[in-house]
């Protein structure tokens, strides 16, 4: 009887866990899924960041046009040509102090004045070198790439 109980115990003990081969296959499948999923996820993050930058440039353009219609000046209201306004100044002067533009985000924003109007620029900060630079003119023309922006 004792021998019969020992045999039953050994059989159930062997069936209770996973084999090393099953564990290795599971780890390999998880590795393959991670190898495919992580680059796809990073692509989604990059695409979303660039979409936010384009949307912010359009918001800057609308607010800059409203500012011009109120004051007959482009922000920044400096007589010097090529005057530049940073994201913090844009938040203060165009968006009424609301933190519409993330000053510590993936993009740095600025407005550059020209004789004929303005150009809003979204340039990736130093830590996000894989992102594109975007420019939006007062005519609502969006350009992509460093070569197309001043």
N, C-alpha and C. Protein backbone atom coordinates (compact mmCIF):
# COMPACT_ATOMS: atom_id res chain seq x y z
N UNK A 1 0.82 -1.19 0.00
CA UNK A 1 0.00 0.00 0.00
C UNK A 1 0.86 1.26 0.00
N UNK A 2 1.91 1.25 0.83
CA UNK A 2 2.81 2.39 0.89
C UNK A 2 3.52 2.61 -0.45
N UNK A 3 3.87 1.53 -1.10
CA UNK A 3 4.52 1.62 -2.40
C UNK A 3 3.56 2.23 -3.43
N UNK A 4 2.31 1.88 -3.36
CA UNK A 4 1.30 2.41 -4.27
C UNK A 4 1.11 3.92 -4.06
N UNK A 5 1.13 4.37 -2.81
CA UNK A 5 0.99 5.80 -2.51
C UNK A 5 2.20 6.57 -3.01
N UNK A 6 3.39 6.01 -2.83
CA UNK A 6 4.61 6.65 -3.32
C UNK A 6 4.59 6.78 -4.84
N UNK A 7 4.11 5.79 -5.55
CA UNK A 7 4.04 5.86 -7.01
C UNK A 7 3.06 6.93 -7.44
N UNK A 8 1.92 7.03 -6.76
CA UNK A 8 0.94 8.07 -7.10
C UNK A 8 1.51 9.45 -6.81
N UNK A 9 2.25 9.59 -5.71
CA UNK A 9 2.85 10.87 -5.34
C UNK A 9 3.87 11.28 -6.38
N UNK A 10 4.70 10.36 -6.85
CA UNK A 10 5.71 10.67 -7.85
C UNK A 10 5.09 11.09 -9.17
N UNK A 11 4.01 10.44 -9.58
CA UNK A 11 3.35 10.79 -10.84
C UNK A 11 2.72 12.17 -10.76
N UNK A 12 2.07 12.49 -9.66
CA UNK A 12 1.44 13.81 -9.55
C UNK A 12 2.51 14.89 -9.39
N UNK A 13 3.59 14.57 -8.74
CA UNK A 13 4.66 15.54 -8.57
C UNK A 13 5.29 15.87 -9.92
N UNK A 14 5.43 14.93 -10.78
CA UNK A 14 6.02 15.17 -12.09
C UNK A 14 5.09 15.99 -12.98
N UNK A 15 3.80 15.84 -12.80
CA UNK A 15 2.84 16.55 -13.63
C UNK A 15 2.50 17.95 -13.09
N UNK A 16 2.95 18.30 -11.92
CA UNK A 16 2.55 19.55 -11.29
C UNK A 16 3.23 20.79 -11.87
N UNK A 17 4.41 20.71 -12.44
CA UNK A 17 5.14 21.90 -12.89
C UNK A 17 5.33 21.93 -14.39
N UNK A 18 6.07 22.95 -14.84
CA UNK A 18 6.39 23.09 -16.25
C UNK A 18 7.78 22.54 -16.49
N UNK A 19 7.99 22.03 -17.67
CA UNK A 19 9.33 21.55 -18.01
C UNK A 19 10.19 22.74 -18.42
N UNK A 20 11.47 22.54 -18.43
CA UNK A 20 12.40 23.60 -18.82
C UNK A 20 12.16 24.02 -20.27
N UNK A 21 11.85 23.09 -21.12
CA UNK A 21 11.58 23.39 -22.52
C UNK A 21 10.34 24.27 -22.67
N UNK A 22 9.29 23.98 -21.92
CA UNK A 22 8.09 24.82 -21.97
C UNK A 22 8.38 26.24 -21.50
N UNK A 23 9.16 26.38 -20.45
CA UNK A 23 9.53 27.71 -19.97
C UNK A 23 10.38 28.47 -20.99
N UNK A 24 11.32 27.79 -21.62
CA UNK A 24 12.16 28.44 -22.64
C UNK A 24 11.34 28.89 -23.85
N UNK A 25 10.41 28.08 -24.27
CA UNK A 25 9.54 28.45 -25.40
C UNK A 25 8.69 29.67 -25.03
N UNK A 26 8.16 29.69 -23.82
CA UNK A 26 7.35 30.82 -23.37
C UNK A 26 8.18 32.10 -23.33
N UNK A 27 9.39 32.02 -22.80
CA UNK A 27 10.27 33.20 -22.75
C UNK A 27 10.64 33.66 -24.17
N UNK A 28 10.87 32.73 -25.06
CA UNK A 28 11.19 33.09 -26.45
C UNK A 28 10.01 33.80 -27.12
N UNK A 29 8.80 33.32 -26.90
CA UNK A 29 7.61 33.96 -27.49
C UNK A 29 7.44 35.37 -26.94
N UNK A 30 7.62 35.53 -25.64
CA UNK A 30 7.51 36.86 -25.03
C UNK A 30 8.60 37.79 -25.60
N UNK A 31 9.80 37.26 -25.79
CA UNK A 31 10.89 38.06 -26.38
C UNK A 31 10.57 38.51 -27.79
N UNK A 32 10.00 37.63 -28.60
CA UNK A 32 9.63 37.98 -29.98
C UNK A 32 8.53 39.05 -29.98
N UNK A 33 7.54 38.88 -29.13
CA UNK A 33 6.46 39.88 -29.05
C UNK A 33 7.00 41.23 -28.60
N UNK A 34 7.91 41.23 -27.64
CA UNK A 34 8.52 42.49 -27.18
C UNK A 34 9.37 43.11 -28.27
N UNK A 35 10.09 42.28 -29.02
CA UNK A 35 10.93 42.78 -30.10
C UNK A 35 10.13 43.45 -31.21
N UNK A 36 8.93 42.99 -31.42
CA UNK A 36 8.06 43.61 -32.43
C UNK A 36 7.26 44.76 -31.83
N UNK A 37 6.81 44.60 -30.61
CA UNK A 37 5.92 45.58 -29.99
C UNK A 37 6.59 46.87 -29.57
N UNK A 38 7.79 46.82 -29.04
CA UNK A 38 8.45 48.02 -28.53
C UNK A 38 8.75 49.01 -29.66
N UNK A 39 9.33 48.61 -30.80
CA UNK A 39 9.53 49.59 -31.88
C UNK A 39 8.21 50.16 -32.42
N UNK A 40 7.18 49.34 -32.48
CA UNK A 40 5.87 49.84 -32.94
C UNK A 40 5.34 50.87 -31.95
N UNK A 41 5.49 50.60 -30.66
CA UNK A 41 5.04 51.54 -29.63
C UNK A 41 5.82 52.85 -29.73
N UNK A 42 7.12 52.77 -29.93
CA UNK A 42 7.93 53.98 -30.07
C UNK A 42 7.52 54.77 -31.30
N UNK A 43 7.15 54.09 -32.37
CA UNK A 43 6.65 54.77 -33.56
C UNK A 43 5.35 55.51 -33.28
N UNK A 44 4.47 54.90 -32.51
CA UNK A 44 3.22 55.57 -32.14
C UNK A 44 3.48 56.80 -31.29
N UNK A 45 4.43 56.71 -30.37
CA UNK A 45 4.77 57.85 -29.51
C UNK A 45 5.34 58.99 -30.34
N UNK A 46 6.23 58.67 -31.28
CA UNK A 46 6.81 59.70 -32.15
C UNK A 46 5.74 60.36 -32.99
N UNK A 47 4.87 59.56 -33.58
CA UNK A 47 3.79 60.09 -34.41
C UNK A 47 2.86 60.99 -33.59
N UNK A 48 2.54 60.57 -32.39
CA UNK A 48 1.66 61.38 -31.53
C UNK A 48 2.34 62.68 -31.14
N UNK A 49 3.63 62.64 -30.83
CA UNK A 49 4.35 63.87 -30.46
C UNK A 49 4.39 64.85 -31.61
N UNK A 50 4.60 64.36 -32.82
CA UNK A 50 4.63 65.24 -33.98
C UNK A 50 3.24 65.81 -34.26
N UNK A 51 2.20 65.02 -34.04
CA UNK A 51 0.84 65.53 -34.20
C UNK A 51 0.52 66.63 -33.21
N UNK A 52 0.99 66.47 -31.97
CA UNK A 52 0.79 67.50 -30.95
C UNK A 52 1.53 68.77 -31.34
N UNK A 53 2.74 68.64 -31.86
CA UNK A 53 3.52 69.81 -32.29
C UNK A 53 2.80 70.56 -33.41
N UNK A 54 2.26 69.84 -34.38
CA UNK A 54 1.52 70.49 -35.48
C UNK A 54 0.28 71.18 -34.96
N UNK A 55 -0.43 70.54 -34.05
CA UNK A 55 -1.63 71.13 -33.47
C UNK A 55 -1.29 72.39 -32.68
N UNK A 56 -0.19 72.35 -31.92
CA UNK A 56 0.24 73.52 -31.16
C UNK A 56 0.62 74.67 -32.09
N UNK A 57 1.25 74.36 -33.21
CA UNK A 57 1.60 75.41 -34.17
C UNK A 57 0.35 76.07 -34.73
N UNK A 58 -0.66 75.28 -35.00
CA UNK A 58 -1.92 75.87 -35.51
C UNK A 58 -2.58 76.74 -34.44
N UNK A 59 -2.52 76.32 -33.17
CA UNK A 59 -3.07 77.13 -32.09
C UNK A 59 -2.29 78.44 -31.95
N UNK A 60 -0.97 78.36 -32.07
CA UNK A 60 -0.14 79.57 -32.02
C UNK A 60 -0.52 80.51 -33.16
N UNK A 61 -0.72 79.96 -34.33
CA UNK A 61 -1.07 80.78 -35.50
C UNK A 61 -2.39 81.50 -35.29
N UNK A 62 -3.38 80.79 -34.78
CA UNK A 62 -4.69 81.41 -34.55
C UNK A 62 -4.58 82.52 -33.51
N UNK A 63 -3.88 82.24 -32.42
CA UNK A 63 -3.75 83.24 -31.36
C UNK A 63 -2.89 84.42 -31.80
N UNK A 64 -1.88 84.16 -32.62
CA UNK A 64 -1.04 85.25 -33.14
C UNK A 64 -1.86 86.15 -34.06
N UNK A 65 -2.73 85.56 -34.87
CA UNK A 65 -3.60 86.36 -35.74
C UNK A 65 -4.58 87.19 -34.91
N UNK A 66 -5.12 86.60 -33.84
CA UNK A 66 -5.99 87.36 -32.94
C UNK A 66 -5.23 88.49 -32.26
N UNK A 67 -4.01 88.23 -31.85
CA UNK A 67 -3.17 89.24 -31.21
C UNK A 67 -2.92 90.40 -32.17
N UNK A 68 -2.65 90.07 -33.44
CA UNK A 68 -2.41 91.11 -34.44
C UNK A 68 -3.66 91.94 -34.69
N UNK A 69 -4.83 91.29 -34.73
CA UNK A 69 -6.06 92.04 -34.97
C UNK A 69 -6.39 92.97 -33.79
N UNK A 70 -5.95 92.60 -32.58
CA UNK A 70 -6.18 93.45 -31.41
C UNK A 70 -5.17 94.59 -31.29
N UNK A 71 -3.90 94.31 -31.58
CA UNK A 71 -2.84 95.29 -31.30
C UNK A 71 -2.17 95.86 -32.54
N UNK A 72 -2.42 95.29 -33.70
CA UNK A 72 -1.77 95.67 -34.95
C UNK A 72 -0.26 95.44 -34.88
N UNK A 73 0.17 94.52 -34.03
CA UNK A 73 1.57 94.11 -33.88
C UNK A 73 1.63 92.60 -33.83
N UNK A 74 2.74 92.07 -34.30
CA UNK A 74 2.98 90.64 -34.14
C UNK A 74 3.73 90.42 -32.84
N UNK A 75 3.45 89.32 -32.17
CA UNK A 75 4.19 88.98 -30.97
C UNK A 75 5.50 88.33 -31.41
N UNK A 76 6.61 88.67 -30.86
CA UNK A 76 6.86 89.69 -29.86
C UNK A 76 6.82 91.09 -30.49
N UNK A 77 6.36 92.05 -29.71
CA UNK A 77 6.20 93.41 -30.20
C UNK A 77 7.51 94.16 -30.13
N UNK A 78 8.45 93.71 -30.89
CA UNK A 78 9.76 94.34 -30.90
C UNK A 78 10.00 94.96 -32.26
N UNK A 79 10.60 96.13 -32.31
CA UNK A 79 10.86 96.74 -33.61
C UNK A 79 11.94 96.01 -34.40
N UNK A 80 12.74 95.22 -33.74
CA UNK A 80 13.82 94.52 -34.43
C UNK A 80 13.25 93.41 -35.32
N UNK A 81 13.83 93.25 -36.48
CA UNK A 81 13.41 92.15 -37.34
C UNK A 81 13.96 90.85 -36.77
N UNK A 82 13.34 89.78 -37.10
CA UNK A 82 13.70 88.45 -36.62
C UNK A 82 13.65 88.35 -35.10
N UNK A 83 12.74 89.10 -34.48
CA UNK A 83 12.56 88.97 -33.04
C UNK A 83 11.99 87.59 -32.75
N UNK A 84 12.40 87.00 -31.64
CA UNK A 84 12.01 85.63 -31.31
C UNK A 84 11.29 85.63 -29.97
N UNK A 85 10.22 84.85 -29.88
CA UNK A 85 9.48 84.66 -28.65
C UNK A 85 9.52 83.18 -28.30
N UNK A 86 9.82 82.85 -27.05
CA UNK A 86 9.93 81.45 -26.64
C UNK A 86 8.59 80.92 -26.14
N UNK A 87 8.55 79.63 -25.81
CA UNK A 87 7.31 78.98 -25.38
C UNK A 87 6.73 79.63 -24.12
N UNK A 88 7.58 79.98 -23.17
CA UNK A 88 7.08 80.61 -21.94
C UNK A 88 6.44 81.96 -22.25
N UNK A 89 7.06 82.75 -23.13
CA UNK A 89 6.48 84.04 -23.53
C UNK A 89 5.21 83.86 -24.32
N UNK A 90 5.16 82.83 -25.15
CA UNK A 90 3.95 82.54 -25.94
C UNK A 90 2.81 82.18 -25.01
N UNK A 91 3.07 81.33 -24.02
CA UNK A 91 2.03 80.97 -23.04
C UNK A 91 1.52 82.20 -22.31
N UNK A 92 2.43 83.09 -21.93
CA UNK A 92 2.04 84.28 -21.17
C UNK A 92 1.28 85.28 -22.03
N UNK A 93 1.79 85.59 -23.20
CA UNK A 93 1.24 86.67 -24.01
C UNK A 93 0.09 86.25 -24.93
N UNK A 94 0.13 85.06 -25.46
CA UNK A 94 -0.92 84.64 -26.40
C UNK A 94 -2.02 83.82 -25.73
N UNK A 95 -1.64 82.99 -24.79
CA UNK A 95 -2.61 82.08 -24.18
C UNK A 95 -3.03 82.52 -22.78
N UNK A 96 -2.80 83.76 -22.45
CA UNK A 96 -3.27 84.32 -21.18
C UNK A 96 -2.68 83.67 -19.95
N UNK A 97 -1.45 83.18 -20.03
CA UNK A 97 -0.81 82.56 -18.88
C UNK A 97 -1.08 81.08 -18.72
N UNK A 98 -2.01 80.53 -19.50
CA UNK A 98 -2.27 79.08 -19.44
C UNK A 98 -1.09 78.32 -20.03
N UNK A 99 -0.78 77.19 -19.47
CA UNK A 99 0.35 76.38 -19.94
C UNK A 99 -0.08 75.53 -21.14
N UNK A 100 -0.44 76.19 -22.23
CA UNK A 100 -0.87 75.48 -23.43
C UNK A 100 0.30 74.73 -24.07
N UNK A 101 1.45 75.37 -24.13
CA UNK A 101 2.64 74.73 -24.67
C UNK A 101 3.46 74.19 -23.51
N UNK A 102 3.85 72.93 -23.62
CA UNK A 102 4.67 72.31 -22.57
C UNK A 102 6.10 72.78 -22.75
N UNK A 103 6.58 73.59 -21.81
CA UNK A 103 7.93 74.16 -21.95
C UNK A 103 9.02 73.12 -21.70
N UNK A 104 8.69 72.00 -21.09
CA UNK A 104 9.67 70.94 -20.84
C UNK A 104 9.36 69.68 -21.64
N UNK A 105 8.57 69.81 -22.69
CA UNK A 105 8.16 68.65 -23.47
C UNK A 105 9.18 68.25 -24.52
N UNK A 106 8.73 67.49 -25.48
CA UNK A 106 9.61 66.99 -26.53
C UNK A 106 9.99 68.06 -27.55
N UNK A 107 9.19 69.14 -27.63
CA UNK A 107 9.45 70.20 -28.59
C UNK A 107 9.68 71.53 -27.90
N UNK A 108 10.49 72.37 -28.54
CA UNK A 108 10.67 73.76 -28.13
C UNK A 108 9.96 74.61 -29.18
N UNK A 109 9.16 75.56 -28.72
CA UNK A 109 8.36 76.39 -29.62
C UNK A 109 8.90 77.82 -29.60
N UNK A 110 8.80 78.46 -30.76
CA UNK A 110 9.18 79.87 -30.84
C UNK A 110 8.42 80.53 -31.98
N UNK A 111 8.31 81.84 -31.90
CA UNK A 111 7.72 82.64 -32.97
C UNK A 111 8.81 83.55 -33.48
N UNK A 112 9.00 83.57 -34.78
CA UNK A 112 9.98 84.45 -35.40
C UNK A 112 9.25 85.48 -36.25
N UNK A 113 9.54 86.73 -35.99
CA UNK A 113 8.93 87.82 -36.77
C UNK A 113 9.76 88.10 -38.01
N UNK A 114 9.06 88.46 -39.06
CA UNK A 114 9.69 88.87 -40.31
C UNK A 114 8.99 90.16 -40.73
N UNK A 115 9.52 90.78 -41.75
CA UNK A 115 8.88 92.01 -42.24
C UNK A 115 7.45 91.74 -42.71
N UNK A 116 7.22 90.56 -43.26
CA UNK A 116 5.91 90.25 -43.82
C UNK A 116 4.99 89.55 -42.83
N UNK A 117 5.43 89.27 -41.62
CA UNK A 117 4.55 88.59 -40.67
C UNK A 117 5.33 87.75 -39.68
N UNK A 118 4.89 86.53 -39.47
CA UNK A 118 5.51 85.67 -38.47
C UNK A 118 5.62 84.24 -38.99
N UNK A 119 6.40 83.47 -38.27
CA UNK A 119 6.50 82.04 -38.52
C UNK A 119 6.64 81.35 -37.17
N UNK A 120 5.77 80.38 -36.91
CA UNK A 120 5.84 79.60 -35.67
C UNK A 120 6.66 78.35 -35.95
N UNK A 121 7.58 78.03 -35.05
CA UNK A 121 8.50 76.92 -35.25
C UNK A 121 8.41 75.97 -34.05
N UNK A 122 8.33 74.69 -34.35
CA UNK A 122 8.41 73.64 -33.32
C UNK A 122 9.63 72.81 -33.65
N UNK A 123 10.61 72.87 -32.75
CA UNK A 123 11.87 72.17 -32.98
C UNK A 123 12.09 71.18 -31.84
N UNK A 124 12.46 69.94 -32.17
CA UNK A 124 12.67 68.97 -31.09
C UNK A 124 13.81 69.41 -30.18
N UNK A 125 13.65 69.15 -28.88
CA UNK A 125 14.73 69.49 -27.97
C UNK A 125 15.86 68.47 -28.14
N UNK A 126 16.96 68.71 -27.48
CA UNK A 126 18.17 67.91 -27.69
C UNK A 126 17.98 66.43 -27.40
N UNK A 127 17.08 66.09 -26.48
CA UNK A 127 16.89 64.68 -26.10
C UNK A 127 16.04 63.91 -27.10
N UNK A 128 15.36 64.58 -28.01
CA UNK A 128 14.44 63.93 -28.94
C UNK A 128 14.89 64.14 -30.38
N UNK A 129 16.04 63.60 -30.73
CA UNK A 129 16.62 63.84 -32.04
C UNK A 129 15.89 63.13 -33.17
N UNK A 130 15.05 62.17 -32.90
CA UNK A 130 14.34 61.44 -33.95
C UNK A 130 13.10 62.15 -34.47
N UNK A 131 12.73 63.28 -33.89
CA UNK A 131 11.53 64.00 -34.29
C UNK A 131 11.86 65.03 -35.37
N UNK A 132 10.86 65.39 -36.14
CA UNK A 132 11.02 66.37 -37.21
C UNK A 132 10.79 67.79 -36.69
N UNK A 133 11.38 68.76 -37.37
CA UNK A 133 11.13 70.18 -37.10
C UNK A 133 9.97 70.62 -37.99
N UNK A 134 9.06 71.43 -37.43
CA UNK A 134 7.91 71.92 -38.18
C UNK A 134 7.85 73.44 -38.10
N UNK A 135 7.43 74.06 -39.20
CA UNK A 135 7.24 75.51 -39.26
C UNK A 135 5.85 75.78 -39.85
N UNK A 136 5.22 76.83 -39.34
CA UNK A 136 3.91 77.24 -39.84
C UNK A 136 3.95 78.74 -40.05
N UNK A 137 3.66 79.16 -41.28
CA UNK A 137 3.66 80.59 -41.60
C UNK A 137 2.30 81.19 -41.28
N UNK A 138 2.24 82.52 -41.34
CA UNK A 138 0.97 83.18 -41.09
C UNK A 138 -0.04 82.85 -42.17
N UNK A 139 0.40 82.38 -43.33
CA UNK A 139 -0.49 81.96 -44.40
C UNK A 139 -0.99 80.54 -44.21
N UNK A 140 -0.67 79.93 -43.05
CA UNK A 140 -1.10 78.59 -42.70
C UNK A 140 -0.44 77.52 -43.57
N UNK A 141 0.81 77.76 -43.96
CA UNK A 141 1.56 76.79 -44.73
C UNK A 141 2.49 76.05 -43.77
N UNK A 142 2.30 74.74 -43.65
CA UNK A 142 3.09 73.93 -42.74
C UNK A 142 4.24 73.31 -43.50
N UNK A 143 5.46 73.51 -43.00
CA UNK A 143 6.66 72.92 -43.61
C UNK A 143 7.29 71.96 -42.62
N UNK A 144 7.91 70.93 -43.15
CA UNK A 144 8.56 69.94 -42.30
C UNK A 144 10.03 69.85 -42.67
N UNK A 145 10.87 69.74 -41.68
CA UNK A 145 12.31 69.55 -41.91
C UNK A 145 13.11 70.81 -41.65
N UNK A 146 14.32 70.63 -41.21
CA UNK A 146 15.19 71.74 -40.87
C UNK A 146 15.49 72.61 -42.09
N UNK A 147 15.63 72.00 -43.27
CA UNK A 147 15.96 72.76 -44.47
C UNK A 147 14.84 73.70 -44.88
N UNK A 148 13.59 73.40 -44.53
CA UNK A 148 12.46 74.22 -44.93
C UNK A 148 12.09 75.28 -43.89
N UNK A 149 12.77 75.28 -42.75
CA UNK A 149 12.50 76.24 -41.69
C UNK A 149 13.71 77.16 -41.52
N UNK A 150 13.48 78.39 -41.12
CA UNK A 150 14.63 79.28 -40.95
C UNK A 150 15.45 78.93 -39.72
